[in-house]
Amino acid sequence: MNVQELSVLAHGGQIEALDLVSLEGGIYVLEAQMDGRKLPVLQGDGHALRLRSVEHAREVLQGIPVEVPLHLVHAVVHDEMIGLPGKAAEPLRVPVHNQPSW
């Protein structure tokens, strides 16, 4: 789905939540939760929408209802390190407001 489709679905109450996933290299991607599934938010060329920061995400999400929860998601650092025992751990999920605070 692209940002316009996301907006339509969010206003229709079909988007359960949004995850702003932090990736290595300071890149963020956006995932929408709908019907228990996570769907990537795409650019016009079909690639994942890349965001530079939480503030950039807020700019992109300006038209999305504030009732849709937005979480910043970070992988557990120990999962990415070599040599540590592999045990399942949930990623860090931090709620953020999808509207600027100023």
C-alpha atoms as a PDB file:
ATOM      1  CA  MET A   1       0.000   0.000   0.000  1.00  0.00           C
ATOM      2  CA  ASN A   2       1.161   3.548  -0.587  1.00  0.00           C
ATOM      3  CA  VAL A   3       0.681   6.590   1.681  1.00  0.00           C
ATOM      4  CA  GLN A   4      -2.573   7.636  -0.029  1.00  0.00           C
ATOM      5  CA  GLU A   5      -4.074   4.157   0.402  1.00  0.00           C
ATOM      6  CA  LEU A   6      -2.869   4.136   4.005  1.00  0.00           C
ATOM      7  CA  SER A   7      -4.663   7.422   4.641  1.00  0.00           C
ATOM      8  CA  VAL A   8      -7.937   6.164   3.147  1.00  0.00           C
ATOM      9  CA  LEU A   9      -7.780   2.922   5.150  1.00  0.00           C
ATOM     10  CA  ALA A  10      -6.844   4.766   8.360  1.00  0.00           C
ATOM     11  CA  HIS A  11      -9.770   7.170   7.997  1.00  0.00           C
ATOM     12  CA  GLY A  12     -11.997   4.139   7.409  1.00  0.00           C
ATOM     13  CA  GLY A  13     -10.832   2.613  10.695  1.00  0.00           C
ATOM     14  CA  GLN A  14      -9.144  -0.353   9.032  1.00  0.00           C
ATOM     15  CA  ILE A  15      -5.563   0.352  10.172  1.00  0.00           C
ATOM     16  CA  GLU A  16      -4.953  -1.074  13.650  1.00  0.00           C
ATOM     17  CA  ALA A  17      -1.497   0.444  14.221  1.00  0.00           C
ATOM     18  CA  LEU A  18       1.635   1.711  12.511  1.00  0.00           C
ATOM     19  CA  ASP A  19       5.204   0.565  13.178  1.00  0.00           C
ATOM     20  CA  LEU A  20       8.159   2.781  12.335  1.00  0.00           C
ATOM     21  CA  VAL A  21      10.901   0.164  12.111  1.00  0.00           C
ATOM     22  CA  SER A  22      14.478   1.313  12.709  1.00  0.00           C
ATOM     23  CA  LEU A  23      17.011  -0.366  10.432  1.00  0.00           C
ATOM     24  CA  GLU A  24      20.785  -0.330  10.391  1.00  0.00           C
ATOM     25  CA  GLY A  25      22.227   2.809   8.832  1.00  0.00           C
ATOM     26  CA  GLY A  26      19.694   5.265  10.244  1.00  0.00           C
ATOM     27  CA  ILE A  27      16.893   4.222   7.889  1.00  0.00           C
ATOM     28  CA  TYR A  28      13.302   3.755   8.967  1.00  0.00           C
ATOM     29  CA  VAL A  29      10.522   1.908   7.160  1.00  0.00           C
ATOM     30  CA  LEU A  30       6.816   2.046   7.893  1.00  0.00           C
ATOM     31  CA  GLU A  31       4.563  -0.975   8.388  1.00  0.00           C
ATOM     32  CA  ALA A  32       0.797  -0.864   8.741  1.00  0.00           C
ATOM     33  CA  GLN A  33      -1.076  -3.449  10.813  1.00  0.00           C
ATOM     34  CA  MET A  34      -4.359  -4.446   9.243  1.00  0.00           C
ATOM     35  CA  ASP A  35      -6.436  -7.581   9.852  1.00  0.00           C
ATOM     36  CA  GLY A  36      -3.660  -8.998  12.028  1.00  0.00           C
ATOM     37  CA  ARG A  37      -1.080  -8.674   9.225  1.00  0.00           C
ATOM     38  CA  LYS A  38       1.822  -6.288   8.807  1.00  0.00           C
ATOM     39  CA  LEU A  39       1.948  -4.604   5.410  1.00  0.00           C
ATOM     40  CA  PRO A  40       4.803  -2.400   4.182  1.00  0.00           C
ATOM     41  CA  VAL A  41       4.070   1.159   3.133  1.00  0.00           C
ATOM     42  CA  LEU A  42       5.529   1.625  -0.345  1.00  0.00           C
ATOM     43  CA  GLN A  43       6.794   4.460  -2.515  1.00  0.00           C
ATOM     44  CA  GLY A  44       5.424   5.059  -5.993  1.00  0.00           C
ATOM     45  CA  ASP A  45       8.068   2.774  -7.533  1.00  0.00           C
ATOM     46  CA  GLY A  46       6.987  -0.185  -5.388  1.00  0.00           C
ATOM     47  CA  HIS A  47       9.987  -0.096  -3.026  1.00  0.00           C
ATOM     48  CA  ALA A  48       9.622   0.329   0.725  1.00  0.00           C
ATOM     49  CA  LEU A  49       9.091   3.927   1.784  1.00  0.00           C
ATOM     50  CA  ARG A  50      12.347   5.033   3.448  1.00  0.00           C
ATOM     51  CA  LEU A  51      12.148   7.642   6.163  1.00  0.00           C
ATOM     52  CA  ARG A  52      15.042   9.583   7.716  1.00  0.00           C
ATOM     53  CA  SER A  53      13.712  10.120  11.232  1.00  0.00           C
ATOM     54  CA  VAL A  54      10.690  10.126  13.499  1.00  0.00           C
ATOM     55  CA  GLU A  55      10.062  13.753  12.480  1.00  0.00           C
ATOM     56  CA  HIS A  56      10.126  12.776   8.801  1.00  0.00           C
ATOM     57  CA  ALA A  57       7.579  10.046   9.574  1.00  0.00           C
ATOM     58  CA  ARG A  58       5.373  12.601  11.330  1.00  0.00           C
ATOM     59  CA  GLU A  59       5.482  14.817   8.227  1.00  0.00           C
ATOM     60  CA  VAL A  60       4.491  11.894   5.991  1.00  0.00           C
ATOM     61  CA  LEU A  61       1.711  10.847   8.405  1.00  0.00           C
ATOM     62  CA  GLN A  62       0.157  14.315   8.839  1.00  0.00           C
ATOM     63  CA  GLY A  63      -3.192  13.268   7.380  1.00  0.00           C
ATOM     64  CA  ILE A  64      -3.467  10.046   9.407  1.00  0.00           C
ATOM     65  CA  PRO A  65      -5.912  10.136  12.343  1.00  0.00           C
ATOM     66  CA  VAL A  66      -4.159  10.514  15.704  1.00  0.00           C
ATOM     67  CA  GLU A  67      -6.203   7.565  17.019  1.00  0.00           C
ATOM     68  CA  VAL A  68      -4.005   5.182  15.001  1.00  0.00           C
ATOM     69  CA  PRO A  69      -1.185   4.125  17.352  1.00  0.00           C
ATOM     70  CA  LEU A  70       2.374   4.663  16.100  1.00  0.00           C
ATOM     71  CA  HIS A  71       5.292   2.710  17.588  1.00  0.00           C
ATOM     72  CA  LEU A  72       9.012   3.107  17.033  1.00  0.00           C
ATOM     73  CA  VAL A  73      10.397  -0.434  16.741  1.00  0.00           C
ATOM     74  CA  HIS A  74      14.048  -1.353  17.370  1.00  0.00           C
ATOM     75  CA  ALA A  75      15.512  -4.845  17.043  1.00  0.00           C
ATOM     76  CA  VAL A  76      17.210  -6.204  20.137  1.00  0.00           C
ATOM     77  CA  VAL A  77      20.898  -5.346  19.752  1.00  0.00           C
ATOM     78  CA  HIS A  78      22.055  -8.715  21.117  1.00  0.00           C
ATOM     79  CA  ASP A  79      20.253 -10.501  18.265  1.00  0.00           C
ATOM     80  CA  GLU A  80      22.515  -8.709  15.796  1.00  0.00           C
ATOM     81  CA  MET A  81      25.781  -9.504  17.613  1.00  0.00           C
ATOM     82  CA  ILE A  82      27.823 -12.558  16.719  1.00  0.00           C
ATOM     83  CA  GLY A  83      28.583 -15.158  19.352  1.00  0.00           C
ATOM     84  CA  LEU A  84      25.756 -14.554  21.767  1.00  0.00           C
ATOM     85  CA  PRO A  85      23.278 -17.326  22.474  1.00  0.00           C
ATOM     86  CA  GLY A  86      20.212 -17.155  20.315  1.00  0.00           C
ATOM     87  CA  LYS A  87      17.109 -16.744  22.392  1.00  0.00           C
ATOM     88  CA  ALA A  88      13.864 -15.274  21.211  1.00  0.00           C
ATOM     89  CA  ALA A  89      13.330 -11.702  22.310  1.00  0.00           C
ATOM     90  CA  GLU A  90      10.704  -9.224  21.293  1.00  0.00           C
ATOM     91  CA  PRO A  91      11.877  -5.995  19.664  1.00  0.00           C
ATOM     92  CA  LEU A  92      11.740  -2.789  21.670  1.00  0.00           C
ATOM     93  CA  ARG A  93       8.456  -0.998  20.894  1.00  0.00           C
ATOM     94  CA  VAL A  94       8.188   2.633  21.989  1.00  0.00           C
ATOM     95  CA  PRO A  95       4.895   4.492  21.496  1.00  0.00           C
ATOM     96  CA  VAL A  96       5.281   7.895  19.833  1.00  0.00           C
ATOM     97  CA  HIS A  97       2.772  10.549  18.903  1.00  0.00           C
ATOM     98  CA  ASN A  98       2.188  10.820  15.173  1.00  0.00           C
ATOM     99  CA  GLN A  99       1.745  14.592  15.458  1.00  0.00           C
ATOM    100  CA  PRO A 100       4.551  17.090  16.171  1.00  0.00           C
ATOM    101  CA  SER A 101       4.766  18.165  19.794  1.00  0.00           C
ATOM    102  CA  TRP A 102       5.347  21.851  18.985  1.00  0.00           C
END
